Protein backbone atom coordinates (compact mmCIF):
# COMPACT_ATOMS: atom_id res chain seq x y z
CA MET A 1 16.25 3.18 8.25
CA PHE A 2 14.98 0.57 5.87
CA ILE A 3 11.36 -0.43 5.23
CA ILE A 4 9.82 -2.64 2.30
CA GLY A 5 6.35 -3.61 1.93
CA LEU A 6 4.90 -6.83 0.26
CA ASP A 7 3.88 -4.74 -2.85
CA ASP A 8 7.77 -4.17 -3.49
CA CYS A 9 8.63 -7.79 -3.12
CA VAL A 10 8.37 -9.89 -6.47
CA GLU A 11 6.56 -13.25 -5.88
CA PHE A 12 8.51 -16.56 -7.19
CA LEU A 13 7.91 -20.25 -6.85
CA ALA A 14 10.45 -21.86 -4.57
CA GLY A 15 12.22 -25.13 -5.12
CA ASP A 16 9.64 -26.72 -2.76
CA HIS A 17 6.64 -25.09 -4.69
CA THR A 18 5.78 -22.72 -1.99
CA ARG A 19 5.01 -19.05 -3.38
CA LEU A 20 7.45 -16.80 -1.87
CA LYS A 21 8.15 -12.86 -1.49
CA GLU A 22 11.30 -12.10 0.33
CA LEU A 23 11.15 -9.23 2.31
CA LEU A 24 14.66 -9.16 3.84
CA HIS A 25 17.71 -11.03 2.61
CA PRO A 26 21.33 -9.89 2.98
CA ASP A 27 22.11 -10.82 -0.64
CA LYS A 28 19.34 -8.73 -1.96
CA GLN A 29 19.55 -5.52 0.20
CA PRO A 30 22.32 -3.64 1.85
CA LEU A 31 21.71 -4.96 5.42
CA ASP A 32 23.75 -6.29 7.85
CA LEU A 33 21.73 -9.46 8.52
CA ARG A 34 22.31 -13.33 8.97
CA TYR A 35 18.88 -14.31 8.37
CA SER A 36 16.35 -14.02 5.85
CA LEU A 37 12.51 -13.29 5.99
CA ALA A 38 9.98 -14.20 3.41
CA LEU A 39 6.11 -14.55 3.09
CA ALA A 40 5.20 -17.98 1.98
CA LEU A 41 1.99 -19.04 0.43
CA VAL A 42 0.39 -22.61 -0.23
CA GLY A 43 -2.80 -22.68 -2.19
CA PRO A 44 -5.70 -24.60 -0.85
CA GLY A 45 -5.46 -28.41 -0.63
CA LEU A 46 -1.68 -28.31 -1.65
CA SER A 47 1.51 -29.27 -0.21
CA SER A 48 5.21 -28.01 -0.54
CA LEU A 49 7.39 -30.56 -1.75
CA ARG A 50 9.24 -32.50 0.68
CA HIS A 51 12.67 -30.93 1.19
CA VAL A 52 15.61 -30.80 3.35
CA LEU A 53 17.25 -27.27 4.37
CA LYS A 54 20.84 -26.92 5.60
CA ASN A 55 20.06 -24.16 7.87
CA SER A 56 17.27 -23.76 10.99
CA GLU A 57 14.02 -22.38 9.96
CA VAL A 58 11.04 -20.70 11.53
CA TYR A 59 7.36 -20.86 10.23
CA TYR A 60 4.92 -18.31 11.92
CA ILE A 61 1.42 -19.05 10.53
CA ILE A 62 -0.56 -15.92 9.71
CA ARG A 63 -3.82 -17.43 7.91
CA GLY A 64 -5.10 -20.70 7.11
CA GLU A 65 -4.65 -24.11 8.51
CA GLY A 66 -2.46 -26.95 7.89
CA ILE A 67 -0.56 -29.93 8.93
CA MET A 68 3.30 -29.49 9.42
CA SER A 69 5.50 -32.52 8.87
CA ILE A 70 9.06 -32.57 10.27
CA ASP A 71 11.12 -35.93 9.98
CA GLY A 72 7.76 -37.90 9.78
CA GLU A 73 6.14 -36.19 12.75
CA GLU A 74 2.90 -34.51 11.80
CA ALA A 75 0.94 -31.97 13.65
CA PRO A 76 -1.96 -29.30 12.86
CA VAL A 77 -0.79 -25.72 12.63
CA GLY A 78 -3.16 -22.48 12.27
CA PRO A 79 -2.94 -18.74 13.11
CA GLY A 80 -0.61 -17.28 15.65
CA GLN A 81 1.49 -20.48 15.97
CA ALA A 82 5.33 -20.51 15.27
CA VAL A 83 7.28 -23.85 14.19
CA TYR A 84 10.78 -24.24 14.78
CA ILE A 85 12.50 -26.47 12.09
CA PRO A 86 15.99 -27.80 13.14
CA PRO A 87 18.64 -27.77 10.23
CA GLY A 88 18.87 -31.02 8.11
CA SER A 89 15.06 -32.07 8.76
CA GLU A 90 13.09 -33.51 6.11
CA GLN A 91 10.01 -31.19 6.06
CA PHE A 92 6.64 -30.21 4.24
CA ILE A 93 3.54 -28.34 4.88
CA THR A 94 0.01 -29.20 3.83
CA ASN A 95 -2.83 -26.50 3.28
CA THR A 96 -5.94 -28.14 4.84
CA SER A 97 -8.02 -24.80 4.46
CA SER A 98 -10.13 -23.51 1.66
CA ALA A 99 -7.91 -20.29 1.19
CA ASP A 100 -4.20 -19.94 0.91
CA LEU A 101 -2.09 -20.94 3.88
CA GLU A 102 0.04 -18.14 4.66
CA PHE A 103 3.11 -17.99 6.97
CA ILE A 104 6.38 -16.08 7.49
CA CYS A 105 9.56 -18.02 7.02
CA ILE A 106 12.85 -16.84 8.83
CA VAL A 107 15.92 -18.84 7.83
CA ASP A 108 19.04 -18.63 9.53
CA PRO A 109 21.66 -18.32 8.07
CA ALA A 110 19.96 -16.86 5.13
CA TRP A 111 18.27 -19.04 2.55
CA ARG A 112 20.25 -20.13 -0.53
CA GLU A 113 18.81 -22.34 -3.38
CA GLU A 114 22.05 -24.26 -2.87
CA ASP A 115 21.13 -25.23 0.78
CA GLU A 116 17.88 -27.12 -0.10
CA VAL A 117 17.42 -30.34 -1.20
CA ILE A 118 14.12 -31.33 -2.65
CA ARG A 119 13.03 -34.87 -2.17
């Protein structure tokens, strides 16, 4: 059995300027996973940087509201919504709320810095 809490995860600034806490990653835990799972935070009024990820990604919005942009198409997002981001898509998210925009990121295969290009 493997259980980990957010308090056990070190927060870091990702290349796209989201604050991340990686909960599950096959390079960091002795787990047989293809994907990685992280909690992401974007501060009020801020946006992640435009970036392209080689792999598919899913955002699940927990708190806050924002605008998701994928390949120039924009849509409002909020709690309880999931967003699929196809591999190779240019993407960013903007926090339109007065508190942190908080969401889960699932990347498959697992996120690696070298698989992300900041624009």
